[in-house]
Amino acid sequence: MIQSETAYLSVTGTPDTPVKSGNSIADISAGMYAYSNILAAIIQRDKTGEGAHIDVSMLESLTEWMGFPMYYAMDGAPPPPRSSASHATIYPYGPFAVGDDQEVMLGIQNEREWALFCEHVLEQTNLATDSRFNTGTVRNANRQELKQIILQVFANLTTPQVLERLEKAQIANAKANQISDLWAHPQLQARHRWREVGSSVGPLPALLPPGQHGSAHG
């Protein structure tokens, strides 16, 4: 209900169908602002000796998280369109199918990256100065035409090959993981985020809360 009230659904989903977040984003946002307000109240108490009454609403919390699309549409300007997993106004920025039936996420955010993408990933340096794609504005306007060019190249490659090219070009990228991939994510393993906790039915896996605390000197 809150996702609907805050216009979150108006910018999330496909052009034809609004889609709610797959997790309880309104509840989580309110919980995080309750957490930060509690910490602020503790600091205030330590400095002034006075307590605080904390009032956090889900509507206000998710509205804060709607900052980009909300201010984008200030004074009646057109809001960002629903664009599935792609960026609403930057292209190429989103998921692309690869020849081994997987998807890779990538994001091009400036002309330097675009030139490197053409050279090292698409291996078509002429596209960097092609008048259909040589600025962010025209790439966004011609996204369907550019998408077909990218998909044609990626169709002949595997996911590791595409990722290798993106890394060589220093282009932001990610695998389109499934939940099972997240359970086994190598970065979570490398940072020792998993623990076992006891329960009435035996040990259960649990993640440590985000953030690591160490001394100021080590």
Protein backbone atom coordinates (compact mmCIF):
# COMPACT_ATOMS: atom_id res chain seq x y z
CA MET A 1 0.00 0.00 0.00
CA ILE A 2 2.82 2.41 0.87
CA GLN A 3 4.65 1.63 -2.37
CA SER A 4 1.48 2.70 -4.16
CA GLU A 5 0.94 5.85 -2.07
CA THR A 6 4.49 7.09 -2.59
CA ALA A 7 4.32 6.62 -6.40
CA TYR A 8 7.01 3.94 -6.14
CA LEU A 9 4.88 1.73 -8.40
CA SER A 10 4.68 4.50 -11.01
CA VAL A 11 8.42 4.22 -11.71
CA THR A 12 9.02 0.51 -11.01
CA GLY A 13 8.14 -2.28 -13.44
CA THR A 14 7.67 -2.57 -17.18
CA PRO A 15 6.23 0.17 -19.41
CA ASP A 16 2.91 -1.71 -19.33
CA THR A 17 2.85 -3.10 -15.79
CA PRO A 18 3.79 -1.54 -12.44
CA VAL A 19 5.65 -3.96 -10.17
CA LYS A 20 6.10 -3.80 -6.41
CA SER A 21 9.47 -4.38 -4.83
CA GLY A 22 10.33 -8.01 -4.22
CA ASN A 23 11.15 -7.25 -0.59
CA SER A 24 9.31 -5.18 2.04
CA ILE A 25 11.02 -1.95 1.06
CA ALA A 26 8.64 0.42 2.90
CA ASP A 27 8.96 -1.52 6.16
CA ILE A 28 12.74 -1.72 5.79
CA SER A 29 13.11 1.98 5.04
CA ALA A 30 11.05 2.89 8.11
CA GLY A 31 13.13 0.51 10.22
CA MET A 32 16.37 2.11 9.03
CA TYR A 33 15.12 5.62 9.80
CA ALA A 34 13.94 4.42 13.22
CA TYR A 35 17.45 3.05 13.77
CA SER A 36 19.18 6.30 12.76
CA ASN A 37 16.73 8.35 14.83
CA ILE A 38 17.44 6.18 17.86
CA LEU A 39 21.19 6.68 17.42
CA ALA A 40 20.65 10.45 17.07
CA ALA A 41 18.53 10.44 20.25
CA ILE A 42 21.25 8.60 22.16
CA ILE A 43 23.83 11.18 21.06
CA GLN A 44 21.44 13.99 22.05
CA ARG A 45 20.91 12.39 25.46
CA ASP A 46 24.66 12.10 26.01
CA LYS A 47 25.20 15.74 25.07
CA THR A 48 22.15 17.34 26.73
CA GLY A 49 20.78 14.80 29.20
CA GLU A 50 17.38 15.03 27.48
CA GLY A 51 15.45 12.15 25.95
CA ALA A 52 13.49 12.26 22.70
CA HIS A 53 10.17 11.06 21.33
CA ILE A 54 10.70 9.32 17.98
CA ASP A 55 7.98 9.29 15.32
CA VAL A 56 8.77 7.55 12.01
CA SER A 57 6.24 6.78 9.27
CA MET A 58 6.58 4.37 6.36
CA LEU A 59 5.12 7.00 4.00
CA GLU A 60 7.76 9.59 4.88
CA SER A 61 10.56 7.02 4.83
CA LEU A 62 9.80 5.68 1.36
CA THR A 63 9.11 9.21 0.08
CA GLU A 64 12.70 10.08 1.11
CA TRP A 65 13.94 7.12 -0.91
CA MET A 66 11.91 8.36 -3.90
CA GLY A 67 14.12 11.46 -4.04
CA PHE A 68 15.58 10.92 -7.53
CA PRO A 69 12.36 10.28 -9.48
CA MET A 70 10.40 12.76 -7.36
CA TYR A 71 12.76 15.70 -7.94
CA TYR A 72 13.26 14.62 -11.56
CA ALA A 73 9.55 15.34 -12.07
CA MET A 74 9.49 18.64 -10.12
CA ASP A 75 7.12 21.38 -11.33
CA GLY A 76 5.18 19.01 -13.55
CA ALA A 77 8.13 17.71 -15.56
CA PRO A 78 7.63 14.23 -17.06
CA PRO A 79 8.61 11.53 -14.54
CA PRO A 80 11.14 8.80 -15.40
CA PRO A 81 9.38 6.02 -17.33
CA ARG A 82 9.10 2.48 -16.01
CA SER A 83 11.96 0.68 -17.74
CA SER A 84 12.16 -2.80 -16.17
CA ALA A 85 15.72 -3.41 -14.90
CA SER A 86 17.25 -0.80 -17.20
CA HIS A 87 18.03 2.78 -16.21
CA ALA A 88 15.19 5.13 -17.11
CA THR A 89 17.35 7.85 -18.69
CA ILE A 90 20.85 6.40 -19.29
CA TYR A 91 21.69 3.80 -21.95
CA PRO A 92 23.18 1.24 -22.17
CA TYR A 93 22.53 0.66 -18.48
CA GLY A 94 20.79 -2.57 -17.50
CA PRO A 95 20.63 -6.32 -18.21
CA PHE A 96 21.68 -7.87 -21.53
CA ALA A 97 21.25 -11.48 -22.63
CA VAL A 98 24.43 -13.47 -23.34
CA GLY A 99 24.97 -16.49 -25.60
CA ASP A 100 24.98 -19.00 -22.72
CA ASP A 101 21.39 -18.11 -21.71
CA GLN A 102 22.44 -15.87 -18.84
CA GLU A 103 22.30 -12.10 -18.38
CA VAL A 104 24.93 -9.51 -17.53
CA MET A 105 24.27 -6.09 -16.02
CA LEU A 106 26.38 -3.17 -17.21
CA GLY A 107 26.31 0.60 -17.00
CA ILE A 108 27.77 3.28 -19.28
CA GLN A 109 27.71 6.69 -17.59
CA ASN A 110 29.88 8.99 -19.72
CA GLU A 111 31.52 9.37 -23.11
CA ARG A 112 34.89 8.02 -21.96
CA GLU A 113 33.23 4.78 -20.88
CA TRP A 114 31.22 4.65 -24.08
CA ALA A 115 34.38 4.83 -26.21
CA LEU A 116 36.04 2.08 -24.14
CA PHE A 117 32.90 -0.04 -24.38
CA CYS A 118 32.91 0.25 -28.17
CA GLU A 119 36.61 -0.57 -28.39
CA HIS A 120 37.02 -3.41 -25.90
CA VAL A 121 33.55 -4.91 -25.47
CA LEU A 122 31.74 -4.49 -28.78
CA GLU A 123 35.03 -4.32 -30.73
CA GLN A 124 33.42 -1.77 -33.05
CA THR A 125 35.33 1.47 -32.50
CA ASN A 126 33.34 3.26 -35.22
CA LEU A 127 30.23 3.21 -33.02
CA ALA A 128 31.87 5.60 -30.55
CA THR A 129 31.43 8.49 -33.00
CA ASP A 130 28.30 7.22 -34.76
CA SER A 131 25.79 10.09 -34.74
CA ARG A 132 23.07 7.73 -33.45
CA PHE A 133 25.05 6.97 -30.28
CA ASN A 134 27.77 9.60 -29.72
CA THR A 135 26.06 11.34 -26.78
CA GLY A 136 24.11 10.09 -23.80
CA THR A 137 20.97 11.83 -25.05
CA VAL A 138 20.96 10.15 -28.46
CA ARG A 139 21.92 6.75 -27.02
CA ASN A 140 18.89 6.97 -24.78
CA ALA A 141 16.67 8.05 -27.67
CA ASN A 142 17.96 5.20 -29.88
CA ARG A 143 18.15 2.56 -27.17
CA GLN A 144 16.26 -0.11 -29.10
CA GLU A 145 18.61 0.14 -32.07
CA LEU A 146 21.66 0.07 -29.80
CA LYS A 147 20.24 -2.84 -27.82
CA GLN A 148 20.11 -4.99 -30.93
CA ILE A 149 23.76 -4.24 -31.73
CA ILE A 150 24.84 -5.20 -28.20
CA LEU A 151 22.75 -8.38 -28.20
CA GLN A 152 24.20 -9.45 -31.54
CA VAL A 153 27.72 -9.22 -30.10
CA PHE A 154 26.85 -10.87 -26.78
CA ALA A 155 25.00 -13.74 -28.51
CA ASN A 156 28.37 -15.12 -29.66
CA LEU A 157 29.97 -14.88 -26.22
CA THR A 158 29.70 -16.60 -22.86
CA THR A 159 29.07 -14.75 -19.60
CA PRO A 160 32.73 -15.06 -18.47
CA GLN A 161 33.86 -13.67 -21.82
CA VAL A 162 31.52 -10.67 -21.60
CA LEU A 163 32.57 -9.98 -18.02
CA GLU A 164 36.23 -10.23 -19.00
CA ARG A 165 35.73 -7.64 -21.74
CA LEU A 166 33.83 -5.33 -19.40
CA GLU A 167 36.57 -5.59 -16.79
CA LYS A 168 39.20 -4.82 -19.43
CA ALA A 169 37.25 -1.71 -20.40
CA GLN A 170 36.72 -0.80 -16.72
CA ILE A 171 32.95 -0.73 -17.22
CA ALA A 172 30.72 -1.27 -14.18
CA ASN A 173 29.22 -4.75 -14.42
CA ALA A 174 27.53 -7.51 -12.47
CA LYS A 175 26.20 -11.01 -12.97
CA ALA A 176 22.42 -11.32 -12.94
CA ASN A 177 22.44 -13.66 -9.95
CA GLN A 178 19.69 -15.92 -8.72
CA ILE A 179 18.97 -16.41 -5.01
CA SER A 180 21.09 -19.58 -4.97
CA ASP A 181 24.03 -17.53 -6.29
CA LEU A 182 23.59 -15.03 -3.47
CA TRP A 183 23.79 -17.78 -0.84
CA ALA A 184 27.18 -18.76 -2.27
CA HIS A 185 28.39 -15.27 -3.21
CA PRO A 186 32.21 -15.26 -3.07
CA GLN A 187 32.37 -11.72 -1.66
CA LEU A 188 30.20 -12.70 1.32
CA GLN A 189 32.47 -15.68 1.85
CA ALA A 190 35.64 -13.60 1.54
CA ARG A 191 34.36 -11.11 4.11
CA HIS A 192 33.26 -13.89 6.50
CA ARG A 193 29.66 -12.65 6.68
CA TRP A 194 28.00 -16.02 7.38
CA ARG A 195 27.57 -17.44 10.88
CA GLU A 196 25.58 -20.23 12.48
CA VAL A 197 23.02 -19.42 15.15
CA GLY A 198 21.25 -21.84 17.44
CA SER A 199 17.52 -22.49 17.30
CA SER A 200 14.95 -24.93 18.61
CA VAL A 201 15.37 -26.94 15.41
CA GLY A 202 19.17 -26.84 15.34
CA PRO A 203 21.83 -24.55 13.82
CA LEU A 204 20.68 -22.07 11.18
CA PRO A 205 22.72 -19.87 8.80
CA ALA A 206 22.59 -16.13 9.47
CA LEU A 207 24.36 -13.09 8.08
CA LEU A 208 26.20 -10.61 10.26
CA PRO A 209 24.67 -7.10 10.16
CA PRO A 210 26.26 -4.91 7.43
CA GLY A 211 29.37 -3.01 8.42
CA GLN A 212 32.56 -4.03 10.15
CA HIS A 213 33.89 -2.26 13.22
CA GLY A 214 37.57 -2.06 14.00
CA SER A 215 39.81 0.14 16.09
CA ALA A 216 40.80 3.55 14.77
CA HIS A 217 44.41 2.30 14.47
CA GLY A 218 43.94 -1.08 12.84
